[in-house]
C-alpha atoms as a PDB file:
ATOM      1  CA  UNK A   1       0.000   0.000   0.000  1.00  0.00           C
ATOM      2  CA  UNK A   2       1.071   3.586  -0.414  1.00  0.00           C
ATOM      3  CA  UNK A   3       2.499   5.158   2.699  1.00  0.00           C
ATOM      4  CA  UNK A   4       1.322   8.602   3.694  1.00  0.00           C
ATOM      5  CA  UNK A   5       3.527  11.480   4.864  1.00  0.00           C
ATOM      6  CA  UNK A   6       5.242  10.907   8.147  1.00  0.00           C
ATOM      7  CA  UNK A   7       4.763   7.125   8.003  1.00  0.00           C
ATOM      8  CA  UNK A   8       7.769   4.839   8.087  1.00  0.00           C
ATOM      9  CA  UNK A   9       7.950   1.441   6.457  1.00  0.00           C
ATOM     10  CA  UNK A  10       9.913  -1.397   7.940  1.00  0.00           C
ATOM     11  CA  UNK A  11      11.591  -3.668   5.419  1.00  0.00           C
ATOM     12  CA  UNK A  12      13.535  -6.512   6.965  1.00  0.00           C
ATOM     13  CA  UNK A  13      14.494  -4.397   9.970  1.00  0.00           C
ATOM     14  CA  UNK A  14      15.702  -1.372   7.956  1.00  0.00           C
ATOM     15  CA  UNK A  15      13.942   1.946   8.261  1.00  0.00           C
ATOM     16  CA  UNK A  16      13.251   3.977   5.183  1.00  0.00           C
ATOM     17  CA  UNK A  17      12.549   7.669   5.328  1.00  0.00           C
ATOM     18  CA  UNK A  18       9.376   8.766   3.594  1.00  0.00           C
ATOM     19  CA  UNK A  19       9.930  10.497   0.321  1.00  0.00           C
ATOM     20  CA  UNK A  20       7.894  13.393  -0.906  1.00  0.00           C
ATOM     21  CA  UNK A  21       4.963  12.270  -2.999  1.00  0.00           C
ATOM     22  CA  UNK A  22       5.626  12.480  -6.738  1.00  0.00           C
ATOM     23  CA  UNK A  23       4.329  15.558  -8.475  1.00  0.00           C
ATOM     24  CA  UNK A  24       1.345  14.648 -10.595  1.00  0.00           C
ATOM     25  CA  UNK A  25      -0.662  16.699 -13.014  1.00  0.00           C
ATOM     26  CA  UNK A  26      -4.054  17.423 -11.566  1.00  0.00           C
ATOM     27  CA  UNK A  27      -6.680  15.123 -12.984  1.00  0.00           C
ATOM     28  CA  UNK A  28      -9.829  16.781 -14.242  1.00  0.00           C
ATOM     29  CA  UNK A  29     -12.641  16.732 -11.721  1.00  0.00           C
ATOM     30  CA  UNK A  30     -15.281  14.286 -12.833  1.00  0.00           C
ATOM     31  CA  UNK A  31     -16.593  10.794 -12.454  1.00  0.00           C
ATOM     32  CA  UNK A  32     -13.747   9.217 -14.406  1.00  0.00           C
ATOM     33  CA  UNK A  33     -10.888  10.744 -12.424  1.00  0.00           C
ATOM     34  CA  UNK A  34      -9.159   8.598  -9.829  1.00  0.00           C
ATOM     35  CA  UNK A  35      -7.888   9.894  -6.523  1.00  0.00           C
ATOM     36  CA  UNK A  36      -5.061   8.650  -4.355  1.00  0.00           C
ATOM     37  CA  UNK A  37      -6.080   7.128  -1.049  1.00  0.00           C
ATOM     38  CA  UNK A  38      -3.651   6.013   1.611  1.00  0.00           C
ATOM     39  CA  UNK A  39      -4.511   3.125   3.895  1.00  0.00           C
ATOM     40  CA  UNK A  40      -2.681   0.799   6.217  1.00  0.00           C
ATOM     41  CA  UNK A  41      -3.812  -2.797   5.786  1.00  0.00           C
ATOM     42  CA  UNK A  42      -2.896  -5.972   7.629  1.00  0.00           C
ATOM     43  CA  UNK A  43      -0.344  -8.080   5.769  1.00  0.00           C
ATOM     44  CA  UNK A  44      -2.726 -11.020   5.364  1.00  0.00           C
ATOM     45  CA  UNK A  45      -5.316  -8.782   3.688  1.00  0.00           C
ATOM     46  CA  UNK A  46      -2.679  -7.417   1.313  1.00  0.00           C
ATOM     47  CA  UNK A  47      -1.648 -10.993   0.435  1.00  0.00           C
ATOM     48  CA  UNK A  48      -5.289 -11.879  -0.172  1.00  0.00           C
ATOM     49  CA  UNK A  49      -5.757  -8.872  -2.462  1.00  0.00           C
ATOM     50  CA  UNK A  50      -2.561  -9.706  -4.348  1.00  0.00           C
ATOM     51  CA  UNK A  51      -3.699 -13.325  -4.753  1.00  0.00           C
ATOM     52  CA  UNK A  52      -7.047 -12.106  -6.097  1.00  0.00           C
ATOM     53  CA  UNK A  53      -5.258  -9.808  -8.546  1.00  0.00           C
ATOM     54  CA  UNK A  54      -3.101 -12.717  -9.737  1.00  0.00           C
ATOM     55  CA  UNK A  55      -6.110 -15.056 -10.111  1.00  0.00           C
ATOM     56  CA  UNK A  56      -8.086 -12.499 -12.089  1.00  0.00           C
ATOM     57  CA  UNK A  57      -5.106 -11.272 -14.128  1.00  0.00           C
ATOM     58  CA  UNK A  58      -5.441  -7.677 -13.013  1.00  0.00           C
ATOM     59  CA  UNK A  59      -3.293  -5.195 -11.138  1.00  0.00           C
ATOM     60  CA  UNK A  60      -3.246  -4.891  -7.365  1.00  0.00           C
ATOM     61  CA  UNK A  61      -4.711  -1.418  -7.732  1.00  0.00           C
ATOM     62  CA  UNK A  62      -7.667  -2.742  -9.751  1.00  0.00           C
ATOM     63  CA  UNK A  63      -8.160  -5.557  -7.239  1.00  0.00           C
ATOM     64  CA  UNK A  64      -8.261  -3.035  -4.385  1.00  0.00           C
ATOM     65  CA  UNK A  65     -10.763  -0.859  -6.293  1.00  0.00           C
ATOM     66  CA  UNK A  66     -12.935  -3.927  -6.930  1.00  0.00           C
ATOM     67  CA  UNK A  67     -12.784  -5.022  -3.282  1.00  0.00           C
ATOM     68  CA  UNK A  68     -13.700  -1.538  -2.077  1.00  0.00           C
ATOM     69  CA  UNK A  69     -16.571  -1.269  -4.564  1.00  0.00           C
ATOM     70  CA  UNK A  70     -18.015  -4.630  -3.495  1.00  0.00           C
ATOM     71  CA  UNK A  71     -17.528  -3.727   0.153  1.00  0.00           C
ATOM     72  CA  UNK A  72     -19.290  -0.378  -0.230  1.00  0.00           C
ATOM     73  CA  UNK A  73     -22.137  -2.031  -2.137  1.00  0.00           C
ATOM     74  CA  UNK A  74     -22.501  -4.485   0.733  1.00  0.00           C
ATOM     75  CA  UNK A  75     -22.498  -1.687   3.294  1.00  0.00           C
ATOM     76  CA  UNK A  76     -25.131   0.255   1.330  1.00  0.00           C
ATOM     77  CA  UNK A  77     -27.212  -2.893   0.994  1.00  0.00           C
ATOM     78  CA  UNK A  78     -27.338  -3.416   4.732  1.00  0.00           C
ATOM     79  CA  UNK A  79     -28.038   0.219   5.670  1.00  0.00           C
ATOM     80  CA  UNK A  80     -30.876   0.311   8.137  1.00  0.00           C
ATOM     81  CA  UNK A  81     -30.577  -3.379   8.936  1.00  0.00           C
ATOM     82  CA  UNK A  82     -29.556  -3.874  12.550  1.00  0.00           C
ATOM     83  CA  UNK A  83     -26.619  -6.234  13.107  1.00  0.00           C
ATOM     84  CA  UNK A  84     -28.825  -8.600  15.123  1.00  0.00           C
ATOM     85  CA  UNK A  85     -31.184  -8.940  12.167  1.00  0.00           C
ATOM     86  CA  UNK A  86     -28.633 -11.021  10.256  1.00  0.00           C
ATOM     87  CA  UNK A  87     -28.397 -13.517  13.111  1.00  0.00           C
ATOM     88  CA  UNK A  88     -32.191 -13.567  13.287  1.00  0.00           C
ATOM     89  CA  UNK A  89     -32.448 -14.398   9.581  1.00  0.00           C
ATOM     90  CA  UNK A  90     -29.780 -17.092   9.827  1.00  0.00           C
ATOM     91  CA  UNK A  91     -31.685 -18.582  12.764  1.00  0.00           C
ATOM     92  CA  UNK A  92     -34.910 -18.529  10.767  1.00  0.00           C
ATOM     93  CA  UNK A  93     -33.213 -20.291   7.857  1.00  0.00           C
ATOM     94  CA  UNK A  94     -31.824 -22.943  10.208  1.00  0.00           C
ATOM     95  CA  UNK A  95     -35.352 -23.442  11.563  1.00  0.00           C
ATOM     96  CA  UNK A  96     -36.699 -23.920   8.047  1.00  0.00           C
ATOM     97  CA  UNK A  97     -33.923 -26.396   7.274  1.00  0.00           C
ATOM     98  CA  UNK A  98     -34.694 -28.408  10.411  1.00  0.00           C
ATOM     99  CA  UNK A  99     -38.386 -28.412   9.523  1.00  0.00           C
ATOM    100  CA  UNK A 100     -37.629 -29.710   6.037  1.00  0.00           C
ATOM    101  CA  UNK A 101     -35.356 -32.372   7.515  1.00  0.00           C
ATOM    102  CA  UNK A 102     -38.253 -33.473   9.702  1.00  0.00           C
ATOM    103  CA  UNK A 103     -41.004 -33.330   7.046  1.00  0.00           C
ATOM    104  CA  UNK A 104     -39.133 -34.395   3.910  1.00  0.00           C
ATOM    105  CA  UNK A 105     -38.353 -38.057   4.587  1.00  0.00           C
ATOM    106  CA  UNK A 106     -41.830 -38.980   5.902  1.00  0.00           C
ATOM    107  CA  UNK A 107     -43.466 -37.213   2.966  1.00  0.00           C
ATOM    108  CA  UNK A 108     -41.391 -39.093   0.416  1.00  0.00           C
ATOM    109  CA  UNK A 109     -41.788 -42.329   2.360  1.00  0.00           C
ATOM    110  CA  UNK A 110     -45.560 -41.934   2.394  1.00  0.00           C
ATOM    111  CA  UNK A 111     -45.585 -41.501  -1.378  1.00  0.00           C
ATOM    112  CA  UNK A 112     -43.507 -44.641  -1.823  1.00  0.00           C
ATOM    113  CA  UNK A 113     -45.747 -46.685   0.526  1.00  0.00           C
ATOM    114  CA  UNK A 114     -48.990 -45.525  -1.091  1.00  0.00           C
ATOM    115  CA  UNK A 115     -47.679 -46.386  -4.547  1.00  0.00           C
ATOM    116  CA  UNK A 116     -46.510 -49.787  -3.284  1.00  0.00           C
ATOM    117  CA  UNK A 117     -49.819 -50.645  -1.590  1.00  0.00           C
ATOM    118  CA  UNK A 118     -51.923 -49.457  -4.521  1.00  0.00           C
ATOM    119  CA  UNK A 119     -49.860 -51.488  -6.999  1.00  0.00           C
ATOM    120  CA  UNK A 120     -49.839 -54.558  -4.736  1.00  0.00           C
ATOM    121  CA  UNK A 121     -53.607 -54.629  -4.311  1.00  0.00           C
ATOM    122  CA  UNK A 122     -54.135 -54.351  -8.052  1.00  0.00           C
ATOM    123  CA  UNK A 123     -56.453 -51.355  -7.721  1.00  0.00           C
ATOM    124  CA  UNK A 124     -54.426 -49.554 -10.395  1.00  0.00           C
ATOM    125  CA  UNK A 125     -53.446 -50.866 -13.800  1.00  0.00           C
ATOM    126  CA  UNK A 126     -49.880 -49.511 -13.762  1.00  0.00           C
ATOM    127  CA  UNK A 127     -46.683 -50.659 -12.086  1.00  0.00           C
ATOM    128  CA  UNK A 128     -45.514 -49.328  -8.741  1.00  0.00           C
ATOM    129  CA  UNK A 129     -42.733 -47.318 -10.405  1.00  0.00           C
ATOM    130  CA  UNK A 130     -45.148 -45.714 -12.883  1.00  0.00           C
ATOM    131  CA  UNK A 131     -47.559 -44.854 -10.074  1.00  0.00           C
ATOM    132  CA  UNK A 132     -44.753 -43.354  -7.963  1.00  0.00           C
ATOM    133  CA  UNK A 133     -43.581 -41.279 -10.930  1.00  0.00           C
ATOM    134  CA  UNK A 134     -47.137 -40.007 -11.436  1.00  0.00           C
ATOM    135  CA  UNK A 135     -47.462 -39.145  -7.722  1.00  0.00           C
ATOM    136  CA  UNK A 136     -44.170 -37.231  -7.852  1.00  0.00           C
ATOM    137  CA  UNK A 137     -45.212 -35.310 -10.978  1.00  0.00           C
ATOM    138  CA  UNK A 138     -48.566 -34.397  -9.448  1.00  0.00           C
ATOM    139  CA  UNK A 139     -46.839 -33.390  -6.190  1.00  0.00           C
ATOM    140  CA  UNK A 140     -44.296 -31.236  -8.043  1.00  0.00           C
ATOM    141  CA  UNK A 141     -47.102 -29.486  -9.960  1.00  0.00           C
ATOM    142  CA  UNK A 142     -49.030 -28.836  -6.741  1.00  0.00           C
ATOM    143  CA  UNK A 143     -45.892 -27.587  -5.003  1.00  0.00           C
ATOM    144  CA  UNK A 144     -45.051 -25.230  -7.879  1.00  0.00           C
ATOM    145  CA  UNK A 145     -48.585 -23.815  -7.829  1.00  0.00           C
ATOM    146  CA  UNK A 146     -48.490 -23.337  -4.043  1.00  0.00           C
ATOM    147  CA  UNK A 147     -45.113 -21.569  -4.212  1.00  0.00           C
ATOM    148  CA  UNK A 148     -46.298 -19.315  -7.053  1.00  0.00           C
ATOM    149  CA  UNK A 149     -49.404 -18.343  -5.087  1.00  0.00           C
ATOM    150  CA  UNK A 150     -47.362 -17.710  -1.929  1.00  0.00           C
ATOM    151  CA  UNK A 151     -44.900 -15.517  -3.861  1.00  0.00           C
ATOM    152  CA  UNK A 152     -47.783 -13.571  -5.411  1.00  0.00           C
ATOM    153  CA  UNK A 153     -49.384 -13.083  -1.983  1.00  0.00           C
ATOM    154  CA  UNK A 154     -46.033 -11.965  -0.550  1.00  0.00           C
ATOM    155  CA  UNK A 155     -45.518  -9.480  -3.398  1.00  0.00           C
ATOM    156  CA  UNK A 156     -49.053  -8.122  -2.913  1.00  0.00           C
ATOM    157  CA  UNK A 157     -48.496  -7.758   0.827  1.00  0.00           C
ATOM    158  CA  UNK A 158     -45.184  -5.943   0.359  1.00  0.00           C
ATOM    159  CA  UNK A 159     -46.721  -3.564  -2.218  1.00  0.00           C
ATOM    160  CA  UNK A 160     -49.626  -2.549   0.023  1.00  0.00           C
ATOM    161  CA  UNK A 161     -47.575  -0.451   2.488  1.00  0.00           C
ATOM    162  CA  UNK A 162     -45.863   1.349  -0.423  1.00  0.00           C
ATOM    163  CA  UNK A 163     -49.203   2.107  -2.054  1.00  0.00           C
ATOM    164  CA  UNK A 164     -50.552   3.543   1.231  1.00  0.00           C
ATOM    165  CA  UNK A 165     -47.414   5.654   1.690  1.00  0.00           C
ATOM    166  CA  UNK A 166     -47.679   7.012  -1.854  1.00  0.00           C
ATOM    167  CA  UNK A 167     -51.357   7.964  -1.444  1.00  0.00           C
END
């Protein structure tokens, strides 16, 4: 990283005196002009940035710009979201996963048993495998319809407060 005025770098135990920054022509003010920024970073972060630059075939400077841009986008994206909210969401996702772990196997097992019993009793004129495939197709169609309706209801519910605020 670039060292600012008054900062000393240590290189294998030798001290270097800071040099005056090079004279640069002033860049035009605008969106496309770049500005110098000085920062002190931990060595492991610098190594990580350099490794990223090597992997992507870009310069360290471009890798730093990319990392800062992604970081700022992340910070903007979480504005207004309390830090505890992330843990709450992760907990909710873990709860959903546990629920699926509990409900998934019995649901699939029930389908398999029903297909087996129906085929064994001869009440259907197809094999057990064909019946199971049909049950799975029908279940997938029902699931897709339920998810679509739930997403539509969620979108409607989230639009209602905005519509009231705009009125």
